[in-house]
């Protein structure tokens, strides 16, 4: 069981990449106060946990029933991420957020817990595919599947702690610096999105 746990933890940690998502979380919650960032961190992580646990137990039958392939899942996640990245690079997201805040009289940014934090940054195509494949491995039986679930919850817990600590960075930087970080991370997100799309297309046409 130890070998299964280590393999599952390493795979999920690399795919979810909580340390890599942390700076993106800071950029996405720019303009919100500490309570807003804490709420987004908790809500996003809990939603991602529910999604990944769902796919852990019924992922493959669910996708097969709907006629959805893993490659289609990668393409959809990549396109969603690409749209977000373009908004960040060209600051469309900031303008839209400020406009919405003025109309609603709300000083907080929009809720990013569902998209893009839970989906596709935490529970993205890679994480969903990985958890489906790990749970489908019959070698460890139910004990092995339990080890996989423990590894998943541990990685998500690390993600939550990372987000909660990353929020403090926002207090140390100004608006100009945050804008620069947002644009740079938008380029990084675009690269992630392109990779998702390329992988989905490659596997769809070569399989």
N, C-alpha and C. Protein backbone atom coordinates (compact mmCIF):
# COMPACT_ATOMS: atom_id res chain seq x y z
N UNK A 1 0.82 -1.21 0.00
CA UNK A 1 0.00 0.00 0.00
C UNK A 1 0.86 1.26 0.00
N UNK A 2 2.03 1.16 0.64
CA UNK A 2 2.91 2.33 0.70
C UNK A 2 3.35 2.75 -0.69
N UNK A 3 3.66 1.76 -1.54
CA UNK A 3 4.10 2.08 -2.89
C UNK A 3 2.97 2.73 -3.68
N UNK A 4 1.75 2.22 -3.52
CA UNK A 4 0.60 2.80 -4.22
C UNK A 4 0.36 4.23 -3.76
N UNK A 5 0.47 4.46 -2.45
CA UNK A 5 0.27 5.81 -1.90
C UNK A 5 1.31 6.78 -2.45
N UNK A 6 2.58 6.37 -2.45
CA UNK A 6 3.65 7.25 -2.92
C UNK A 6 3.46 7.58 -4.39
N UNK A 7 3.12 6.55 -5.18
CA UNK A 7 2.90 6.77 -6.61
C UNK A 7 1.73 7.73 -6.85
N UNK A 8 0.63 7.50 -6.13
CA UNK A 8 -0.55 8.35 -6.29
C UNK A 8 -0.27 9.78 -5.84
N UNK A 9 0.41 9.92 -4.70
CA UNK A 9 0.71 11.26 -4.18
C UNK A 9 1.60 12.02 -5.15
N UNK A 10 2.66 11.37 -5.64
CA UNK A 10 3.58 12.04 -6.55
C UNK A 10 2.87 12.45 -7.84
N UNK A 11 2.05 11.55 -8.37
CA UNK A 11 1.33 11.83 -9.62
C UNK A 11 0.37 13.00 -9.45
N UNK A 12 -0.43 12.96 -8.39
CA UNK A 12 -1.43 14.01 -8.17
C UNK A 12 -0.78 15.34 -7.81
N UNK A 13 0.33 15.30 -7.06
CA UNK A 13 1.01 16.53 -6.68
C UNK A 13 1.57 17.23 -7.91
N UNK A 14 2.14 16.44 -8.83
CA UNK A 14 2.71 17.02 -10.04
C UNK A 14 1.61 17.57 -10.94
N UNK A 15 0.51 16.80 -11.07
CA UNK A 15 -0.58 17.22 -11.97
C UNK A 15 -1.32 18.44 -11.42
N UNK A 16 -1.69 18.40 -10.14
CA UNK A 16 -2.42 19.53 -9.54
C UNK A 16 -1.50 20.72 -9.32
N UNK A 17 -0.26 20.44 -8.90
CA UNK A 17 0.78 21.47 -8.75
C UNK A 17 0.33 22.64 -7.86
N UNK A 18 0.10 22.38 -6.57
CA UNK A 18 -0.37 23.46 -5.68
C UNK A 18 0.61 24.63 -5.57
N UNK A 19 1.90 24.35 -5.63
CA UNK A 19 2.88 25.43 -5.55
C UNK A 19 2.86 26.30 -6.79
N UNK A 20 2.59 25.69 -7.94
CA UNK A 20 2.52 26.46 -9.17
C UNK A 20 1.24 27.26 -9.30
N UNK A 21 0.15 26.75 -8.71
CA UNK A 21 -1.14 27.45 -8.79
C UNK A 21 -1.20 28.62 -7.81
N UNK A 22 -0.42 28.56 -6.74
CA UNK A 22 -0.47 29.60 -5.71
C UNK A 22 -0.30 31.01 -6.26
N UNK A 23 0.73 31.27 -7.10
CA UNK A 23 0.85 32.63 -7.64
C UNK A 23 -0.34 33.02 -8.51
N UNK A 24 -0.92 32.02 -9.22
CA UNK A 24 -2.10 32.30 -10.04
C UNK A 24 -3.27 32.69 -9.14
N UNK A 25 -3.39 32.02 -8.00
CA UNK A 25 -4.44 32.35 -7.04
C UNK A 25 -4.30 33.79 -6.56
N UNK A 26 -3.07 34.20 -6.31
CA UNK A 26 -2.82 35.58 -5.88
C UNK A 26 -3.30 36.56 -6.94
N UNK A 27 -2.97 36.26 -8.21
CA UNK A 27 -3.37 37.16 -9.29
C UNK A 27 -4.89 37.19 -9.47
N UNK A 28 -5.53 36.03 -9.34
CA UNK A 28 -6.97 35.94 -9.54
C UNK A 28 -7.76 36.66 -8.45
N UNK A 29 -7.20 36.71 -7.24
CA UNK A 29 -7.90 37.35 -6.13
C UNK A 29 -7.40 38.76 -5.87
N UNK A 30 -6.62 39.30 -6.80
CA UNK A 30 -6.12 40.67 -6.66
C UNK A 30 -7.30 41.63 -6.58
N UNK A 31 -7.27 42.51 -5.59
CA UNK A 31 -8.35 43.45 -5.39
C UNK A 31 -9.30 43.06 -4.27
N UNK A 32 -9.21 41.82 -3.81
CA UNK A 32 -10.06 41.36 -2.71
C UNK A 32 -9.33 41.44 -1.38
N UNK A 33 -10.09 41.50 -0.29
CA UNK A 33 -9.46 41.56 1.02
C UNK A 33 -9.11 40.15 1.51
N UNK A 34 -8.53 40.08 2.70
CA UNK A 34 -8.08 38.79 3.23
C UNK A 34 -9.23 37.81 3.42
N UNK A 35 -10.38 38.30 3.86
CA UNK A 35 -11.53 37.42 4.06
C UNK A 35 -12.02 36.85 2.73
N UNK A 36 -12.01 37.66 1.70
CA UNK A 36 -12.41 37.20 0.37
C UNK A 36 -11.48 36.10 -0.12
N UNK A 37 -10.16 36.30 0.04
CA UNK A 37 -9.20 35.30 -0.41
C UNK A 37 -9.34 34.00 0.39
N UNK A 38 -9.59 34.13 1.69
CA UNK A 38 -9.77 32.94 2.52
C UNK A 38 -11.01 32.17 2.08
N UNK A 39 -12.09 32.89 1.81
CA UNK A 39 -13.33 32.25 1.38
C UNK A 39 -13.16 31.56 0.03
N UNK A 40 -12.47 32.22 -0.90
CA UNK A 40 -12.24 31.62 -2.21
C UNK A 40 -11.36 30.37 -2.09
N UNK A 41 -10.35 30.43 -1.22
CA UNK A 41 -9.45 29.28 -1.05
C UNK A 41 -10.21 28.07 -0.52
N UNK A 42 -11.01 28.28 0.53
CA UNK A 42 -11.78 27.17 1.11
C UNK A 42 -12.81 26.64 0.12
N UNK A 43 -13.58 27.54 -0.47
CA UNK A 43 -14.67 27.11 -1.36
C UNK A 43 -14.13 26.41 -2.60
N UNK A 44 -13.08 26.98 -3.18
CA UNK A 44 -12.51 26.38 -4.38
C UNK A 44 -11.93 25.00 -4.11
N UNK A 45 -11.23 24.86 -2.99
CA UNK A 45 -10.63 23.58 -2.65
C UNK A 45 -11.69 22.53 -2.34
N UNK A 46 -12.74 22.93 -1.62
CA UNK A 46 -13.81 21.98 -1.30
C UNK A 46 -14.56 21.55 -2.56
N UNK A 47 -14.83 22.48 -3.46
CA UNK A 47 -15.49 22.13 -4.71
C UNK A 47 -14.63 21.19 -5.55
N UNK A 48 -13.33 21.48 -5.62
CA UNK A 48 -12.42 20.61 -6.37
C UNK A 48 -12.37 19.23 -5.74
N UNK A 49 -12.39 19.16 -4.41
CA UNK A 49 -12.38 17.87 -3.71
C UNK A 49 -13.62 17.06 -4.08
N UNK A 50 -14.78 17.72 -4.07
CA UNK A 50 -16.03 17.03 -4.40
C UNK A 50 -16.00 16.52 -5.84
N UNK A 51 -15.49 17.34 -6.76
CA UNK A 51 -15.44 16.95 -8.16
C UNK A 51 -14.50 15.76 -8.37
N UNK A 52 -13.31 15.84 -7.77
CA UNK A 52 -12.34 14.77 -7.95
C UNK A 52 -12.79 13.47 -7.26
N UNK A 53 -13.44 13.59 -6.11
CA UNK A 53 -13.96 12.39 -5.45
C UNK A 53 -15.07 11.77 -6.29
N UNK A 54 -15.89 12.60 -6.91
CA UNK A 54 -16.95 12.09 -7.78
C UNK A 54 -16.35 11.28 -8.92
N UNK A 55 -15.35 11.85 -9.59
CA UNK A 55 -14.72 11.14 -10.70
C UNK A 55 -13.90 9.95 -10.22
N UNK A 56 -13.43 9.99 -8.99
CA UNK A 56 -12.69 8.85 -8.46
C UNK A 56 -13.57 7.61 -8.37
N UNK A 57 -14.83 7.82 -8.02
CA UNK A 57 -15.74 6.68 -7.84
C UNK A 57 -16.53 6.32 -9.09
N UNK A 58 -17.00 7.33 -9.81
CA UNK A 58 -17.88 7.03 -10.96
C UNK A 58 -17.43 7.76 -12.22
N UNK A 59 -16.17 8.17 -12.29
CA UNK A 59 -15.69 8.96 -13.41
C UNK A 59 -15.80 8.28 -14.76
N UNK A 60 -15.18 7.11 -14.89
CA UNK A 60 -15.18 6.45 -16.19
C UNK A 60 -16.58 6.04 -16.65
N UNK A 61 -17.40 5.40 -15.81
CA UNK A 61 -18.78 5.08 -16.25
C UNK A 61 -19.58 6.33 -16.61
N UNK A 62 -19.37 7.43 -15.85
CA UNK A 62 -20.10 8.67 -16.10
C UNK A 62 -19.75 9.23 -17.47
N UNK A 63 -18.45 9.29 -17.79
CA UNK A 63 -18.02 9.82 -19.09
C UNK A 63 -18.46 8.90 -20.22
N UNK A 64 -18.37 7.59 -20.01
CA UNK A 64 -18.79 6.63 -21.04
C UNK A 64 -20.28 6.76 -21.33
N UNK A 65 -21.07 6.97 -20.27
CA UNK A 65 -22.51 7.11 -20.45
C UNK A 65 -22.85 8.34 -21.28
N UNK A 66 -22.13 9.42 -21.06
CA UNK A 66 -22.38 10.65 -21.81
C UNK A 66 -21.68 10.67 -23.16
N UNK A 67 -20.85 9.66 -23.41
CA UNK A 67 -20.12 9.62 -24.67
C UNK A 67 -19.00 10.63 -24.76
N UNK A 68 -18.43 10.99 -23.61
CA UNK A 68 -17.36 11.99 -23.54
C UNK A 68 -16.02 11.29 -23.34
N UNK A 69 -15.06 11.60 -24.19
CA UNK A 69 -13.73 11.01 -24.07
C UNK A 69 -12.83 11.89 -23.21
N UNK A 70 -11.74 11.32 -22.73
CA UNK A 70 -10.75 12.08 -21.96
C UNK A 70 -10.13 13.18 -22.82
N UNK A 71 -9.96 12.88 -24.11
CA UNK A 71 -9.39 13.88 -25.02
C UNK A 71 -10.31 15.10 -25.14
N UNK A 72 -11.62 14.85 -25.21
CA UNK A 72 -12.57 15.96 -25.27
C UNK A 72 -12.52 16.78 -23.98
N UNK A 73 -12.31 16.09 -22.86
CA UNK A 73 -12.21 16.77 -21.57
C UNK A 73 -10.98 17.69 -21.55
N UNK A 74 -9.88 17.22 -22.10
CA UNK A 74 -8.66 18.03 -22.16
C UNK A 74 -8.87 19.26 -23.06
N UNK A 75 -9.52 19.07 -24.19
CA UNK A 75 -9.77 20.19 -25.10
C UNK A 75 -10.66 21.24 -24.45
N UNK A 76 -11.73 20.80 -23.79
CA UNK A 76 -12.64 21.75 -23.14
C UNK A 76 -11.93 22.53 -22.04
N UNK A 77 -11.17 21.84 -21.20
CA UNK A 77 -10.44 22.51 -20.13
C UNK A 77 -9.42 23.48 -20.68
N UNK A 78 -8.74 23.10 -21.75
CA UNK A 78 -7.75 23.98 -22.36
C UNK A 78 -8.36 25.25 -22.92
N UNK A 79 -9.51 25.12 -23.58
CA UNK A 79 -10.18 26.29 -24.15
C UNK A 79 -10.66 27.25 -23.07
N UNK A 80 -11.21 26.70 -21.98
CA UNK A 80 -11.67 27.54 -20.87
C UNK A 80 -10.50 28.30 -20.26
N UNK A 81 -9.39 27.59 -20.08
CA UNK A 81 -8.21 28.21 -19.48
C UNK A 81 -7.63 29.27 -20.40
N UNK A 82 -7.69 29.03 -21.72
CA UNK A 82 -7.17 29.99 -22.68
C UNK A 82 -7.96 31.29 -22.65
N UNK A 83 -9.28 31.20 -22.54
CA UNK A 83 -10.11 32.40 -22.45
C UNK A 83 -9.74 33.24 -21.24
N UNK A 84 -9.53 32.57 -20.10
CA UNK A 84 -9.13 33.28 -18.89
C UNK A 84 -7.78 33.94 -19.07
N UNK A 85 -6.84 33.22 -19.69
CA UNK A 85 -5.49 33.74 -19.88
C UNK A 85 -5.50 35.00 -20.74
N UNK A 86 -6.30 34.99 -21.80
CA UNK A 86 -6.39 36.17 -22.68
C UNK A 86 -6.96 37.37 -21.93
N UNK A 87 -7.93 37.14 -21.06
CA UNK A 87 -8.50 38.23 -20.26
C UNK A 87 -7.44 38.82 -19.32
N UNK A 88 -6.61 37.94 -18.75
CA UNK A 88 -5.58 38.41 -17.82
C UNK A 88 -4.50 39.20 -18.55
N UNK A 89 -4.06 38.71 -19.72
CA UNK A 89 -2.98 39.37 -20.46
C UNK A 89 -3.41 40.75 -20.94
N UNK A 90 -4.64 40.85 -21.45
CA UNK A 90 -5.12 42.11 -22.01
C UNK A 90 -5.93 42.93 -21.01
N UNK A 91 -5.94 42.51 -19.74
CA UNK A 91 -6.61 43.21 -18.65
C UNK A 91 -8.10 43.39 -18.89
N UNK A 92 -8.70 42.53 -19.70
CA UNK A 92 -10.15 42.58 -19.90
C UNK A 92 -10.87 42.15 -18.63
N UNK A 93 -10.26 41.20 -17.93
CA UNK A 93 -10.88 40.70 -16.71
C UNK A 93 -10.99 41.79 -15.65
N UNK A 94 -9.92 42.61 -15.53
CA UNK A 94 -9.92 43.68 -14.54
C UNK A 94 -10.99 44.72 -14.87
N UNK A 95 -11.08 45.10 -16.15
CA UNK A 95 -12.08 46.09 -16.55
C UNK A 95 -13.49 45.56 -16.32
N UNK A 96 -13.72 44.30 -16.68
CA UNK A 96 -15.06 43.72 -16.48
C UNK A 96 -15.40 43.63 -15.01
N UNK A 97 -14.41 43.27 -14.19
CA UNK A 97 -14.64 43.15 -12.75
C UNK A 97 -15.00 44.51 -12.15
N UNK A 98 -14.25 45.54 -12.54
CA UNK A 98 -14.52 46.87 -11.99
C UNK A 98 -15.89 47.38 -12.45
N UNK A 99 -16.25 47.10 -13.69
CA UNK A 99 -17.55 47.51 -14.19
C UNK A 99 -18.68 46.81 -13.44
N UNK A 100 -18.51 45.52 -13.20
CA UNK A 100 -19.53 44.75 -12.47
C UNK A 100 -19.64 45.25 -11.03
N UNK A 101 -18.51 45.60 -10.45
CA UNK A 101 -18.52 46.08 -9.07
C UNK A 101 -19.25 47.40 -8.95
N UNK A 102 -19.05 48.28 -9.96
CA UNK A 102 -19.73 49.56 -9.94
C UNK A 102 -21.24 49.39 -10.05
N UNK A 103 -21.67 48.46 -10.91
CA UNK A 103 -23.11 48.25 -11.10
C UNK A 103 -23.75 47.62 -9.88
N UNK A 104 -23.01 46.72 -9.25
CA UNK A 104 -23.58 45.99 -8.11
C UNK A 104 -23.32 46.67 -6.79
N UNK A 105 -22.44 47.67 -6.79
CA UNK A 105 -22.09 48.34 -5.55
C UNK A 105 -21.29 47.44 -4.63
N UNK A 106 -20.55 46.50 -5.21
CA UNK A 106 -19.77 45.53 -4.43
C UNK A 106 -18.30 45.79 -4.70
N UNK A 107 -17.53 45.92 -3.65
CA UNK A 107 -16.12 46.25 -3.82
C UNK A 107 -15.26 45.01 -4.03
N UNK A 108 -15.82 43.81 -3.91
CA UNK A 108 -15.05 42.60 -4.07
C UNK A 108 -15.05 42.12 -5.52
N UNK A 109 -13.98 41.41 -5.94
CA UNK A 109 -13.96 40.82 -7.28
C UNK A 109 -15.00 39.71 -7.38
N UNK A 110 -15.15 39.21 -8.61
CA UNK A 110 -16.14 38.15 -8.81
C UNK A 110 -15.67 36.85 -8.15
N UNK A 111 -16.62 35.96 -7.94
CA UNK A 111 -16.34 34.67 -7.32
C UNK A 111 -15.54 33.81 -8.30
N UNK A 112 -14.32 33.46 -7.92
CA UNK A 112 -13.47 32.64 -8.78
C UNK A 112 -13.32 31.22 -8.22
N UNK A 113 -14.13 30.88 -7.22
CA UNK A 113 -13.97 29.58 -6.57
C UNK A 113 -14.35 28.41 -7.48
N UNK A 114 -15.43 28.61 -8.29
CA UNK A 114 -15.85 27.53 -9.19
C UNK A 114 -14.96 27.53 -10.44
N UNK A 115 -14.96 28.64 -11.16
CA UNK A 115 -14.08 28.81 -12.32
C UNK A 115 -13.29 30.10 -12.15
N UNK A 116 -11.97 30.04 -12.24
CA UNK A 116 -11.18 28.90 -12.70
C UNK A 116 -10.49 28.11 -11.58
N UNK A 117 -10.74 28.45 -10.29
CA UNK A 117 -9.96 27.82 -9.23
C UNK A 117 -10.26 26.32 -9.12
N UNK A 118 -11.54 25.99 -8.87
CA UNK A 118 -11.89 24.57 -8.75
C UNK A 118 -11.73 23.87 -10.09
N UNK A 119 -12.30 24.49 -11.14
CA UNK A 119 -12.22 23.98 -12.50
C UNK A 119 -11.73 25.10 -13.41
N UNK A 120 -10.62 24.96 -14.16
CA UNK A 120 -9.86 23.73 -14.30
C UNK A 120 -8.51 23.72 -13.58
N UNK A 121 -8.24 24.72 -12.71
CA UNK A 121 -6.91 24.79 -12.11
C UNK A 121 -6.64 23.64 -11.14
N UNK A 122 -7.59 23.34 -10.24
CA UNK A 122 -7.40 22.23 -9.30
C UNK A 122 -7.94 20.92 -9.89
N UNK A 123 -9.21 20.91 -10.20
CA UNK A 123 -9.83 19.71 -10.77
C UNK A 123 -9.89 19.84 -12.28
N UNK A 124 -8.73 19.93 -12.89
CA UNK A 124 -8.66 20.07 -14.33
C UNK A 124 -8.65 18.73 -15.04
N UNK A 125 -8.54 18.76 -16.37
CA UNK A 125 -8.53 17.51 -17.13
C UNK A 125 -7.42 16.55 -16.69
N UNK A 126 -6.24 17.11 -16.40
CA UNK A 126 -5.14 16.25 -15.96
C UNK A 126 -5.43 15.56 -14.65
N UNK A 127 -5.94 16.32 -13.67
CA UNK A 127 -6.25 15.74 -12.36
C UNK A 127 -7.38 14.73 -12.46
N UNK A 128 -8.42 15.05 -13.25
CA UNK A 128 -9.55 14.13 -13.41
C UNK A 128 -9.10 12.84 -14.08
N UNK A 129 -8.29 12.99 -15.13
CA UNK A 129 -7.78 11.80 -15.83
C UNK A 129 -6.92 10.95 -14.91
N UNK A 130 -6.05 11.61 -14.15
CA UNK A 130 -5.15 10.89 -13.25
C UNK A 130 -5.90 10.12 -12.19
N UNK A 131 -6.90 10.75 -11.56
CA UNK A 131 -7.63 10.07 -10.49
C UNK A 131 -8.46 8.92 -11.05
N UNK A 132 -9.00 9.07 -12.26
CA UNK A 132 -9.76 7.99 -12.88
C UNK A 132 -8.84 6.79 -13.14
N UNK A 133 -7.66 7.04 -13.68
CA UNK A 133 -6.73 5.97 -13.99
C UNK A 133 -6.19 5.29 -12.73
N UNK A 134 -5.90 6.09 -11.69
CA UNK A 134 -5.39 5.51 -10.44
C UNK A 134 -6.43 4.62 -9.77
N UNK A 135 -7.67 5.07 -9.78
CA UNK A 135 -8.74 4.29 -9.15
C UNK A 135 -9.13 3.08 -9.98
N UNK A 136 -8.82 3.11 -11.27
CA UNK A 136 -9.16 1.98 -12.14
C UNK A 136 -8.15 0.86 -12.06
N UNK A 137 -7.00 1.10 -11.42
CA UNK A 137 -5.97 0.07 -11.28
C UNK A 137 -6.42 -0.96 -10.25
N UNK A 138 -6.63 -2.22 -10.65
CA UNK A 138 -7.15 -3.23 -9.72
C UNK A 138 -6.10 -3.90 -8.86
N UNK A 139 -4.82 -3.56 -9.05
CA UNK A 139 -3.75 -4.30 -8.38
C UNK A 139 -3.80 -4.20 -6.86
N UNK A 140 -4.23 -3.07 -6.33
CA UNK A 140 -4.22 -2.90 -4.88
C UNK A 140 -5.55 -3.19 -4.21
N UNK A 141 -6.58 -3.47 -5.01
CA UNK A 141 -7.90 -3.73 -4.43
C UNK A 141 -8.46 -2.48 -3.76
N UNK A 142 -9.37 -2.68 -2.83
CA UNK A 142 -9.99 -1.55 -2.13
C UNK A 142 -8.99 -0.84 -1.22
N UNK A 143 -8.02 -1.59 -0.69
CA UNK A 143 -6.99 -0.94 0.14
C UNK A 143 -6.15 0.02 -0.70
N UNK A 144 -5.85 -0.40 -1.91
CA UNK A 144 -5.09 0.46 -2.81
C UNK A 144 -5.88 1.71 -3.19
N UNK A 145 -7.17 1.52 -3.44
CA UNK A 145 -8.01 2.68 -3.77
C UNK A 145 -8.11 3.63 -2.57
N UNK A 146 -8.13 3.07 -1.38
CA UNK A 146 -8.13 3.91 -0.18
C UNK A 146 -6.86 4.73 -0.08
N UNK A 147 -5.72 4.12 -0.43
CA UNK A 147 -4.45 4.84 -0.41
C UNK A 147 -4.45 5.98 -1.42
N UNK A 148 -5.07 5.73 -2.57
CA UNK A 148 -5.16 6.77 -3.60
C UNK A 148 -6.00 7.94 -3.10
N UNK A 149 -7.11 7.64 -2.43
CA UNK A 149 -7.98 8.70 -1.91
C UNK A 149 -7.28 9.52 -0.83
N UNK A 150 -6.51 8.85 0.03
CA UNK A 150 -5.75 9.56 1.07
C UNK A 150 -4.73 10.50 0.42
N UNK A 151 -4.06 10.00 -0.62
CA UNK A 151 -3.08 10.83 -1.33
C UNK A 151 -3.75 12.04 -1.96
N UNK A 152 -4.93 11.84 -2.53
CA UNK A 152 -5.67 12.95 -3.15
C UNK A 152 -6.03 14.01 -2.12
N UNK A 153 -6.58 13.59 -0.99
CA UNK A 153 -6.98 14.53 0.05
C UNK A 153 -5.77 15.26 0.64
N UNK A 154 -4.63 14.59 0.71
CA UNK A 154 -3.42 15.23 1.23
C UNK A 154 -2.94 16.32 0.27
N UNK A 155 -2.95 16.03 -1.02
CA UNK A 155 -2.52 17.03 -2.01
C UNK A 155 -3.46 18.24 -1.99
N UNK A 156 -4.76 17.99 -1.87
CA UNK A 156 -5.72 19.10 -1.82
C UNK A 156 -5.57 19.92 -0.53
N UNK A 157 -5.22 19.25 0.57
CA UNK A 157 -4.97 19.97 1.82
C UNK A 157 -3.75 20.87 1.70
N UNK A 158 -2.72 20.36 1.04
CA UNK A 158 -1.52 21.17 0.79
C UNK A 158 -1.87 22.37 -0.08
N UNK A 159 -2.75 22.16 -1.05
CA UNK A 159 -3.18 23.25 -1.93
C UNK A 159 -3.89 24.33 -1.12
N UNK A 160 -4.78 23.92 -0.22
CA UNK A 160 -5.52 24.88 0.60
C UNK A 160 -4.57 25.71 1.47
N UNK A 161 -3.65 25.05 2.14
CA UNK A 161 -2.69 25.76 2.99
C UNK A 161 -1.86 26.74 2.16
N UNK A 162 -1.46 26.30 0.97
CA UNK A 162 -0.67 27.16 0.09
C UNK A 162 -1.45 28.40 -0.31
N UNK A 163 -2.73 28.23 -0.62
CA UNK A 163 -3.56 29.38 -0.99
C UNK A 163 -3.72 30.35 0.16
N UNK A 164 -3.94 29.81 1.36
CA UNK A 164 -4.15 30.67 2.53
C UNK A 164 -2.90 31.49 2.83
N UNK A 165 -1.74 30.91 2.65
CA UNK A 165 -0.49 31.63 2.89
C UNK A 165 -0.18 32.59 1.74
N UNK A 166 -0.56 32.20 0.51
CA UNK A 166 -0.27 33.04 -0.65
C UNK A 166 -1.01 34.36 -0.58
N UNK A 167 -2.15 34.38 0.10
CA UNK A 167 -2.92 35.61 0.20
C UNK A 167 -2.15 36.74 0.84
N UNK A 168 -1.21 36.41 1.74
CA UNK A 168 -0.44 37.46 2.42
C UNK A 168 0.46 38.22 1.45
N UNK A 169 0.79 37.56 0.33
CA UNK A 169 1.66 38.22 -0.64
C UNK A 169 0.99 39.46 -1.21
N UNK A 170 -0.34 39.36 -1.36
CA UNK A 170 -1.09 40.48 -1.94
C UNK A 170 -0.92 41.74 -1.10
N UNK A 171 -0.83 41.58 0.23
CA UNK A 171 -0.71 42.73 1.12
C UNK A 171 0.65 43.41 0.98
N UNK A 172 1.61 42.72 0.37
CA UNK A 172 2.97 43.25 0.29
C UNK A 172 3.27 43.92 -1.04
N UNK A 173 2.37 43.77 -2.02
CA UNK A 173 2.62 44.36 -3.33
C UNK A 173 1.55 45.39 -3.65
N UNK A 174 1.88 46.34 -4.49
CA UNK A 174 0.93 47.38 -4.87
C UNK A 174 0.14 47.01 -6.10
N UNK A 175 -0.71 47.95 -6.55
CA UNK A 175 -1.58 47.70 -7.70
C UNK A 175 -0.79 47.51 -8.99
N UNK A 176 0.25 48.32 -9.18
CA UNK A 176 1.05 48.20 -10.40
C UNK A 176 1.75 46.86 -10.49
N UNK A 177 2.36 46.45 -9.37
CA UNK A 177 3.04 45.16 -9.33
C UNK A 177 2.06 44.03 -9.56
N UNK A 178 0.88 44.13 -8.96
CA UNK A 178 -0.14 43.08 -9.14
C UNK A 178 -0.57 42.99 -10.60
N UNK A 179 -0.67 44.14 -11.28
CA UNK A 179 -1.05 44.14 -12.69
C UNK A 179 0.00 43.46 -13.55
N UNK A 180 1.27 43.74 -13.24
CA UNK A 180 2.37 43.10 -13.98
C UNK A 180 2.35 41.60 -13.76
N UNK A 181 2.17 41.18 -12.50
CA UNK A 181 2.13 39.75 -12.17
C UNK A 181 0.97 39.08 -12.90
N UNK A 182 -0.16 39.76 -12.92
CA UNK A 182 -1.34 39.19 -13.57
C UNK A 182 -1.09 38.94 -15.05
N UNK A 183 -0.44 39.88 -15.72
CA UNK A 183 -0.17 39.71 -17.15
C UNK A 183 0.84 38.60 -17.41
N UNK A 184 1.88 38.55 -16.60
CA UNK A 184 2.89 37.49 -16.78
C UNK A 184 2.26 36.12 -16.56
N UNK A 185 1.46 36.01 -15.50
CA UNK A 185 0.81 34.73 -15.22
C UNK A 185 -0.23 34.40 -16.27
N UNK A 186 -0.81 35.41 -16.90
CA UNK A 186 -1.73 35.15 -18.00
C UNK A 186 -1.03 34.44 -19.15
N UNK A 187 0.21 34.85 -19.42
CA UNK A 187 1.00 34.19 -20.46
C UNK A 187 1.28 32.74 -20.07
N UNK A 188 1.61 32.52 -18.79
CA UNK A 188 1.87 31.16 -18.31
C UNK A 188 0.61 30.31 -18.43
N UNK A 189 -0.53 30.89 -18.06
CA UNK A 189 -1.80 30.17 -18.17
C UNK A 189 -2.11 29.84 -19.63
N UNK A 190 -1.80 30.74 -20.53
CA UNK A 190 -2.02 30.48 -21.95
C UNK A 190 -1.19 29.28 -22.41
N UNK A 191 0.04 29.19 -21.89
CA UNK A 191 0.89 28.05 -22.24
C UNK A 191 0.30 26.74 -21.69
N UNK A 192 -0.21 26.77 -20.43
CA UNK A 192 -0.88 25.60 -19.88
C UNK A 192 -2.07 25.20 -20.76
N UNK A 193 -2.85 26.19 -21.15
CA UNK A 193 -4.03 25.93 -21.96
C UNK A 193 -3.64 25.32 -23.31
N UNK A 194 -2.61 25.87 -23.93
CA UNK A 194 -2.15 25.35 -25.22
C UNK A 194 -1.70 23.89 -25.08
N UNK A 195 -1.05 23.57 -23.97
CA UNK A 195 -0.59 22.20 -23.76
C UNK A 195 -1.76 21.24 -23.61
N UNK A 196 -2.80 21.67 -22.87
CA UNK A 196 -4.01 20.85 -22.75
C UNK A 196 -4.62 20.59 -24.12
N UNK A 197 -4.73 21.64 -24.93
CA UNK A 197 -5.34 21.51 -26.25
C UNK A 197 -4.50 20.62 -27.16
N UNK A 198 -3.18 20.81 -27.14
CA UNK A 198 -2.28 20.00 -27.96
C UNK A 198 -2.37 18.53 -27.56
N UNK A 199 -2.37 18.26 -26.25
CA UNK A 199 -2.46 16.86 -25.79
C UNK A 199 -3.77 16.23 -26.22
N UNK A 200 -4.86 16.99 -26.08
CA UNK A 200 -6.16 16.45 -26.47
C UNK A 200 -6.23 16.14 -27.96
N UNK A 201 -5.72 17.06 -28.79
CA UNK A 201 -5.74 16.85 -30.24
C UNK A 201 -4.82 15.70 -30.64
N UNK A 202 -3.62 15.65 -30.02
CA UNK A 202 -2.67 14.60 -30.37
C UNK A 202 -3.24 13.22 -30.08
N UNK A 203 -3.79 13.05 -28.86
CA UNK A 203 -4.33 11.75 -28.49
C UNK A 203 -5.58 11.40 -29.30
N UNK A 204 -6.36 12.42 -29.65
CA UNK A 204 -7.60 12.16 -30.40
C UNK A 204 -7.29 11.66 -31.83
N UNK A 205 -6.24 12.21 -32.44
CA UNK A 205 -5.95 11.85 -33.82
C UNK A 205 -4.97 10.68 -33.94
N UNK A 206 -4.19 10.42 -32.87
CA UNK A 206 -3.21 9.33 -32.94
C UNK A 206 -3.72 8.04 -32.31
N UNK A 207 -4.81 8.13 -31.51
CA UNK A 207 -5.32 6.92 -30.86
C UNK A 207 -6.20 6.11 -31.81
